[in-house]
N, C-alpha and C. Protein backbone atom coordinates (compact mmCIF):
# COMPACT_ATOMS: atom_id res chain seq x y z
N MET A 1 -16.11 -48.36 -54.35
CA MET A 1 -17.04 -47.36 -54.86
C MET A 1 -16.31 -46.44 -55.85
N PRO A 2 -17.03 -45.95 -56.85
CA PRO A 2 -16.42 -45.03 -57.82
C PRO A 2 -15.86 -43.77 -57.16
N THR A 3 -16.52 -43.32 -56.11
CA THR A 3 -16.02 -42.10 -55.46
C THR A 3 -14.67 -42.33 -54.80
N ASP A 4 -14.41 -43.56 -54.36
CA ASP A 4 -13.10 -43.86 -53.78
C ASP A 4 -12.00 -43.68 -54.82
N TYR A 5 -12.25 -44.19 -56.02
CA TYR A 5 -11.27 -44.04 -57.10
C TYR A 5 -11.01 -42.56 -57.37
N LEU A 6 -12.07 -41.78 -57.49
CA LEU A 6 -11.93 -40.36 -57.78
C LEU A 6 -11.14 -39.65 -56.69
N GLU A 7 -11.41 -39.99 -55.45
CA GLU A 7 -10.66 -39.38 -54.34
C GLU A 7 -9.20 -39.80 -54.38
N ASP A 8 -8.94 -41.08 -54.65
CA ASP A 8 -7.56 -41.58 -54.69
C ASP A 8 -6.78 -40.97 -55.85
N GLN A 9 -7.44 -40.68 -56.95
CA GLN A 9 -6.78 -40.19 -58.16
C GLN A 9 -6.95 -38.68 -58.36
N GLN A 10 -7.38 -37.99 -57.35
CA GLN A 10 -7.70 -36.56 -57.48
C GLN A 10 -6.55 -35.76 -58.08
N ASP A 11 -5.33 -35.97 -57.61
CA ASP A 11 -4.19 -35.19 -58.12
C ASP A 11 -3.90 -35.51 -59.58
N VAL A 12 -3.93 -36.79 -59.93
CA VAL A 12 -3.67 -37.21 -61.31
C VAL A 12 -4.74 -36.64 -62.24
N LEU A 13 -6.00 -36.73 -61.82
CA LEU A 13 -7.09 -36.22 -62.64
C LEU A 13 -7.02 -34.70 -62.81
N ALA A 14 -6.64 -34.01 -61.75
CA ALA A 14 -6.50 -32.55 -61.83
C ALA A 14 -5.37 -32.17 -62.78
N GLN A 15 -4.26 -32.92 -62.76
CA GLN A 15 -3.15 -32.64 -63.67
C GLN A 15 -3.57 -32.86 -65.12
N GLU A 16 -4.30 -33.94 -65.38
CA GLU A 16 -4.75 -34.22 -66.74
C GLU A 16 -5.72 -33.14 -67.21
N LEU A 17 -6.63 -32.74 -66.38
CA LEU A 17 -7.57 -31.68 -66.75
C LEU A 17 -6.82 -30.39 -67.04
N THR A 18 -5.81 -30.08 -66.26
CA THR A 18 -5.00 -28.88 -66.49
C THR A 18 -4.34 -28.94 -67.87
N ARG A 19 -3.79 -30.10 -68.24
CA ARG A 19 -3.17 -30.25 -69.56
C ARG A 19 -4.20 -30.03 -70.67
N MET A 20 -5.39 -30.57 -70.48
CA MET A 20 -6.42 -30.45 -71.51
C MET A 20 -6.90 -29.00 -71.65
N VAL A 21 -7.05 -28.30 -70.55
CA VAL A 21 -7.53 -26.92 -70.58
C VAL A 21 -6.51 -26.01 -71.26
N ARG A 22 -5.25 -26.36 -71.20
CA ARG A 22 -4.20 -25.55 -71.84
C ARG A 22 -4.26 -25.60 -73.35
N ILE A 23 -4.93 -26.59 -73.92
CA ILE A 23 -5.04 -26.69 -75.38
C ILE A 23 -6.16 -25.74 -75.81
N ALA A 24 -5.81 -24.76 -76.61
CA ALA A 24 -6.74 -23.66 -76.93
C ALA A 24 -7.75 -24.07 -78.01
N THR A 25 -8.71 -24.88 -77.64
CA THR A 25 -9.76 -25.29 -78.59
C THR A 25 -10.88 -24.26 -78.55
N VAL A 26 -10.70 -23.19 -79.27
CA VAL A 26 -11.67 -22.10 -79.30
C VAL A 26 -12.82 -22.50 -80.23
N ASN A 27 -14.03 -22.38 -79.75
CA ASN A 27 -15.19 -22.75 -80.56
C ASN A 27 -16.21 -21.62 -80.52
N PRO A 28 -16.63 -21.09 -81.68
CA PRO A 28 -15.98 -21.28 -82.96
C PRO A 28 -14.69 -20.48 -83.01
N PRO A 29 -13.83 -20.71 -83.90
CA PRO A 29 -13.90 -21.46 -85.15
C PRO A 29 -13.35 -22.88 -85.06
N GLY A 30 -13.16 -23.46 -83.91
CA GLY A 30 -12.67 -24.82 -83.83
C GLY A 30 -11.15 -24.90 -83.89
N ARG A 31 -10.51 -23.87 -83.40
CA ARG A 31 -9.05 -23.80 -83.46
C ARG A 31 -8.41 -24.87 -82.57
N ASP A 32 -7.36 -25.46 -83.05
CA ASP A 32 -6.50 -26.42 -82.35
C ASP A 32 -7.21 -27.71 -81.93
N TYR A 33 -8.24 -28.10 -82.68
CA TYR A 33 -8.86 -29.39 -82.41
C TYR A 33 -7.87 -30.52 -82.61
N LYS A 34 -6.97 -30.36 -83.60
CA LYS A 34 -5.98 -31.40 -83.85
C LYS A 34 -5.10 -31.60 -82.61
N GLY A 35 -4.75 -30.52 -81.93
CA GLY A 35 -3.97 -30.63 -80.70
C GLY A 35 -4.69 -31.44 -79.64
N MET A 36 -5.98 -31.20 -79.49
CA MET A 36 -6.76 -31.95 -78.50
C MET A 36 -6.91 -33.40 -78.93
N VAL A 37 -7.19 -33.63 -80.20
CA VAL A 37 -7.33 -35.00 -80.70
C VAL A 37 -6.03 -35.76 -80.47
N ASP A 38 -4.91 -35.15 -80.81
CA ASP A 38 -3.61 -35.80 -80.62
C ASP A 38 -3.37 -36.12 -79.15
N HIS A 39 -3.69 -35.19 -78.28
CA HIS A 39 -3.50 -35.39 -76.84
C HIS A 39 -4.37 -36.55 -76.34
N LEU A 40 -5.64 -36.52 -76.68
CA LEU A 40 -6.55 -37.57 -76.21
C LEU A 40 -6.18 -38.94 -76.78
N ALA A 41 -5.80 -38.99 -78.04
CA ALA A 41 -5.39 -40.26 -78.64
C ALA A 41 -4.15 -40.81 -77.94
N SER A 42 -3.22 -39.95 -77.63
CA SER A 42 -2.01 -40.36 -76.91
C SER A 42 -2.35 -40.93 -75.54
N ARG A 43 -3.20 -40.24 -74.83
CA ARG A 43 -3.60 -40.71 -73.48
C ARG A 43 -4.31 -42.05 -73.57
N LEU A 44 -5.18 -42.22 -74.56
CA LEU A 44 -5.89 -43.50 -74.71
C LEU A 44 -4.92 -44.63 -75.02
N ARG A 45 -3.90 -44.35 -75.85
CA ARG A 45 -2.90 -45.38 -76.15
C ARG A 45 -2.12 -45.75 -74.89
N GLN A 46 -1.85 -44.77 -74.03
CA GLN A 46 -1.17 -45.05 -72.77
C GLN A 46 -2.00 -45.97 -71.88
N LEU A 47 -3.30 -45.95 -72.06
CA LEU A 47 -4.22 -46.80 -71.30
C LEU A 47 -4.50 -48.12 -72.03
N GLN A 48 -3.64 -48.41 -73.02
CA GLN A 48 -3.74 -49.65 -73.80
C GLN A 48 -5.01 -49.72 -74.64
N MET A 49 -5.55 -48.57 -75.00
CA MET A 49 -6.71 -48.52 -75.88
C MET A 49 -6.24 -48.22 -77.29
N LYS A 50 -7.11 -48.44 -78.26
CA LYS A 50 -6.77 -48.22 -79.66
C LYS A 50 -7.72 -47.19 -80.26
N PRO A 51 -7.40 -45.91 -80.05
CA PRO A 51 -8.30 -44.86 -80.57
C PRO A 51 -8.31 -44.83 -82.10
N VAL A 52 -9.44 -44.48 -82.64
CA VAL A 52 -9.59 -44.30 -84.08
C VAL A 52 -10.04 -42.85 -84.30
N VAL A 53 -9.25 -42.12 -85.06
CA VAL A 53 -9.57 -40.71 -85.33
C VAL A 53 -10.30 -40.64 -86.66
N HIS A 54 -11.47 -40.07 -86.63
CA HIS A 54 -12.27 -39.87 -87.84
C HIS A 54 -12.11 -38.43 -88.28
N ARG A 55 -11.67 -38.24 -89.48
CA ARG A 55 -11.43 -36.90 -90.00
C ARG A 55 -12.60 -36.44 -90.88
N VAL A 56 -12.96 -35.20 -90.72
CA VAL A 56 -14.00 -34.60 -91.55
C VAL A 56 -13.35 -34.21 -92.87
N PRO A 57 -13.99 -34.48 -93.99
CA PRO A 57 -13.41 -34.10 -95.28
C PRO A 57 -13.07 -32.61 -95.32
N GLU A 58 -11.92 -32.30 -95.90
CA GLU A 58 -11.40 -30.93 -95.91
C GLU A 58 -12.39 -29.92 -96.48
N ASP A 59 -13.13 -30.29 -97.54
CA ASP A 59 -14.08 -29.34 -98.12
C ASP A 59 -15.20 -29.00 -97.14
N GLU A 60 -15.60 -29.95 -96.30
CA GLU A 60 -16.63 -29.67 -95.29
C GLU A 60 -16.08 -28.78 -94.19
N VAL A 61 -14.83 -29.00 -93.83
CA VAL A 61 -14.18 -28.16 -92.81
C VAL A 61 -14.11 -26.71 -93.30
N GLU A 62 -13.66 -26.53 -94.53
CA GLU A 62 -13.57 -25.19 -95.09
C GLU A 62 -14.93 -24.53 -95.22
N ALA A 63 -15.95 -25.30 -95.65
CA ALA A 63 -17.29 -24.75 -95.81
C ALA A 63 -17.87 -24.29 -94.47
N ALA A 64 -17.48 -24.97 -93.41
CA ALA A 64 -17.98 -24.61 -92.07
C ALA A 64 -17.19 -23.47 -91.46
N GLY A 65 -16.07 -23.09 -92.09
CA GLY A 65 -15.26 -22.00 -91.56
C GLY A 65 -14.48 -22.39 -90.32
N VAL A 66 -14.15 -23.66 -90.19
CA VAL A 66 -13.43 -24.16 -89.02
C VAL A 66 -11.93 -24.12 -89.30
N ASP A 67 -11.15 -23.79 -88.29
CA ASP A 67 -9.69 -23.78 -88.38
C ASP A 67 -9.18 -24.95 -87.54
N PRO A 68 -8.91 -26.12 -88.15
CA PRO A 68 -8.52 -27.29 -87.39
C PRO A 68 -7.13 -27.24 -86.81
N GLN A 69 -6.33 -26.25 -87.19
CA GLN A 69 -4.97 -26.15 -86.69
C GLN A 69 -5.03 -25.62 -85.31
């Protein structure tokens, strides 16, 4: 059952959530999204997945007033 997996992995999942919450993705203005994207892409690669990061054109980011750093 899926709940068995969640119970068995509770500590690992809590540690990963803690790491993600520490990344200050303030919205708005979208601060440190790159940090979160980098973290998630790294984790997916560790799971043998091949993440593809799609970047928003810089002029659209600036027009929206987002700080991707």
